[in-house]
Amino acid sequence: MTGNADNIVLKRNFVDQSLEFKSVEYIEIKEAKDRKYDTQVLDSATKVNEKGDLLWSGRGLQWQLKQQGQELLFKAEGGEWIAYEPDGSRIDPE
């Protein structure tokens, strides 16, 4: 949190076997003061093409209702909103 940059390396073998891509956001840090950050989401992606390139959406992440009358339940967890189906299964934003 106090560094100007972080570098993380994940081995390809681990990523291919253990991780599933859900989404990514491209953000701008507008101001940093006393470990508090003012950010702005510039773009997001929830899909990749056959080469593995991110397919940017041109907007921030948002939940999409799939059918009329669908209900989602929202809970604040860890400082962000998480959506759930009435049966308790998590719904990720698109």
Protein backbone atom coordinates (compact mmCIF):
# COMPACT_ATOMS: atom_id res chain seq x y z
CA MET A 1 0.00 0.00 0.00
CA THR A 2 2.87 2.41 0.54
CA GLY A 3 4.96 1.53 -2.51
CA ASN A 4 4.73 3.34 -5.83
CA ALA A 5 4.48 0.07 -7.75
CA ASP A 6 4.10 -3.65 -7.17
CA ASN A 7 5.33 -6.38 -9.46
CA ILE A 8 3.75 -9.81 -9.28
CA VAL A 9 4.90 -12.82 -11.26
CA LEU A 10 2.71 -15.90 -11.64
CA LYS A 11 4.03 -19.00 -13.34
CA ARG A 12 2.07 -19.85 -16.48
CA ASN A 13 1.61 -23.46 -15.37
CA PHE A 14 -0.03 -22.32 -12.11
CA VAL A 15 -2.28 -19.79 -13.90
CA ASP A 16 -3.43 -22.30 -16.54
CA GLN A 17 -4.26 -24.95 -13.94
CA SER A 18 -5.48 -22.91 -10.98
CA LEU A 19 -7.03 -19.61 -12.06
CA GLU A 20 -10.17 -18.70 -13.98
CA PHE A 21 -10.41 -15.24 -15.55
CA LYS A 22 -13.48 -13.33 -14.36
CA SER A 23 -12.80 -9.64 -14.90
CA VAL A 24 -10.27 -6.83 -14.79
CA GLU A 25 -10.63 -3.09 -14.33
CA TYR A 26 -8.28 -0.42 -15.64
CA ILE A 27 -8.25 2.39 -13.09
CA GLU A 28 -6.62 5.75 -12.63
CA ILE A 29 -5.48 6.85 -9.19
CA LYS A 30 -6.57 10.47 -9.09
CA GLU A 31 -5.27 11.24 -5.61
CA ALA A 32 -3.39 9.39 -2.89
CA LYS A 33 -3.33 10.83 0.61
CA ASP A 34 -2.67 9.11 3.93
CA ARG A 35 -3.25 5.63 2.47
CA LYS A 36 -6.61 6.69 1.04
CA TYR A 37 -7.11 6.69 -2.71
CA ASP A 38 -9.50 8.49 -5.01
CA THR A 39 -9.83 6.30 -8.11
CA GLN A 40 -11.71 6.38 -11.40
CA VAL A 41 -12.53 3.28 -13.46
CA LEU A 42 -11.46 3.92 -17.06
CA ASP A 43 -12.34 0.56 -18.64
CA SER A 44 -13.07 -3.09 -17.87
CA ALA A 45 -12.99 -6.51 -19.50
CA THR A 46 -14.80 -9.78 -18.75
CA LYS A 47 -13.77 -11.66 -21.89
CA VAL A 48 -10.62 -12.60 -23.78
CA ASN A 49 -10.16 -13.60 -27.40
CA GLU A 50 -8.63 -16.88 -28.65
CA LYS A 51 -5.12 -15.41 -28.29
CA GLY A 52 -5.78 -14.42 -24.67
CA ASP A 53 -6.01 -10.66 -25.35
CA LEU A 54 -8.38 -8.71 -23.11
CA LEU A 55 -11.54 -7.51 -24.84
CA TRP A 56 -12.12 -4.08 -23.30
CA SER A 57 -15.78 -3.02 -22.93
CA GLY A 58 -15.35 0.76 -22.89
CA ARG A 59 -17.09 1.05 -19.50
CA GLY A 60 -16.85 -0.06 -15.90
CA LEU A 61 -18.13 -3.40 -14.65
CA GLN A 62 -21.89 -3.75 -14.13
CA TRP A 63 -24.35 -6.49 -13.29
CA GLN A 64 -26.68 -7.54 -16.08
CA LEU A 65 -30.11 -9.01 -15.38
CA LYS A 66 -30.61 -11.97 -17.72
CA GLN A 67 -34.40 -12.10 -17.65
CA GLN A 68 -37.33 -9.92 -16.65
CA GLY A 69 -38.20 -10.35 -12.99
CA GLN A 70 -34.75 -11.68 -12.04
CA GLU A 71 -33.73 -10.70 -8.52
CA LEU A 72 -30.23 -10.21 -7.16
CA LEU A 73 -29.29 -9.80 -3.52
CA PHE A 74 -26.41 -7.41 -2.74
CA LYS A 75 -24.11 -7.53 0.27
CA ALA A 76 -21.28 -5.17 1.17
CA GLU A 77 -18.21 -7.35 1.73
CA GLY A 78 -14.70 -6.04 2.23
CA GLY A 79 -15.63 -2.57 1.05
CA GLU A 80 -17.30 -3.62 -2.21
CA TRP A 81 -20.71 -4.84 -3.35
CA ILE A 82 -21.16 -8.54 -4.12
CA ALA A 83 -24.29 -9.83 -5.88
CA TYR A 84 -25.97 -13.17 -5.20
CA GLU A 85 -28.85 -15.11 -6.71
CA PRO A 86 -31.66 -15.88 -4.22
CA ASP A 87 -30.22 -19.44 -3.95
CA GLY A 88 -26.93 -17.98 -2.64
CA SER A 89 -24.77 -18.43 -5.76
CA ARG A 90 -22.49 -15.48 -6.48
CA ILE A 91 -23.00 -13.42 -9.65
CA ASP A 92 -19.98 -11.59 -11.04
CA PRO A 93 -20.40 -8.27 -12.87
CA GLU A 94 -19.93 -8.13 -16.62
